[in-house]
Amino acid sequence: MLENLKRRWKVNNGGLILVIFTFALGGSLCGYAARKIMALTAIEQEGLWLIVYLLIATFLWPLCVLLFSIPLGQFSFFKTYLVKIWGAISGQKKTPTTVIAIFASGAGSNAQKIIEYFQAKKDTVKIALIVCNKERAGVLELAQTHGIETMIIGKDSFLSEETYIDELKKRSIDFIVLAGFLWKIPASLIKSYPNKIVNIHPALLPKYGGKGMYGLKVHEAVIAAGEKESGITIHYVDELYDHGNIIFQAACSVTEGETANSLAQKIHVLEHEHYPKVIENVLNMQNRR
């Protein structure tokens, strides 16, 4: 049961404890406040007293829960939770907003295209966080321009601890997009976000992937092998480099006299054209489940 709650609420063990604790405190406070209010009334009939008490407690409960959620760091969770409850009660079905974190290591050209693409779709998708492993990466300036929160990560703690998972959960991150992020994703993060992490690789996998295959190195290998075409692969992330299930591929020609730089330009065109759209398609498919 607890595992089901963790998956449904998208929290870890610590988050689950805080959520349950907030529910308990909020419920106790609304019950206490409702009784105090009833003491001010002149209602004596037992049945009527109970009905009015329940109505008052029902009205106070969301306010009390939200009140306790602030100091416990659970406000975002309970705000979303209460909105869903209201939607179910009122019969208004609204497509949930997917909160995305983009992981990037460089200038962020793909991140920029993704941010721009989803700016017109803020009701369904929110780019809430840029995670970067380089303090001077250009993607951080991009985040500042668009008013997006940033997080700088250290390699040792990223690979060995679950601290960053807690930080992502606190920000209600639903989905992770890798856009030129060069570190291997640890198993703990993949377990916390199963089929919720996607990556784009500048070649047609399974060829020219794996550790050390990134940027111009990929294009140099493609040209050296005499390939007639290259392209992009968008795939789910698993515990291995460039190995998860393939979602989408698009190809371009490798012409005579091609250089790594000229091929990189062709690949960038494919990345910018397809990556945001494929991300949207994946999110739509998952939200329909």
Foldseek 3Di string as FASTA:
>chain_A
DLVVVCVVLLHDPVVSVLLVVLLVQLLVVLLVVLVVVLVPDPDDPPVVSVVSSVVSSVVSSLVSSCVSCVVSLNNVSSVLVVVVVVCVVVVNDAAAAAEEEEEAEALCPLVLLLCVVCPVVRSHYHDAEYEYQDPPHNVVVVCVVVVHHYHHDHDVCQQPHCVVVNVCVSVVHQAYEYDHHQDQHHQVVCVSHPQRYKYKAFWPPPPQWFHPRHQLNSLVVCVVVVDQKTWMWMAHHHRTTPDHDTQDIDMDTQDPPRHSVNSVVVRSVRSSVPVSVSVVVSVVVVSVD
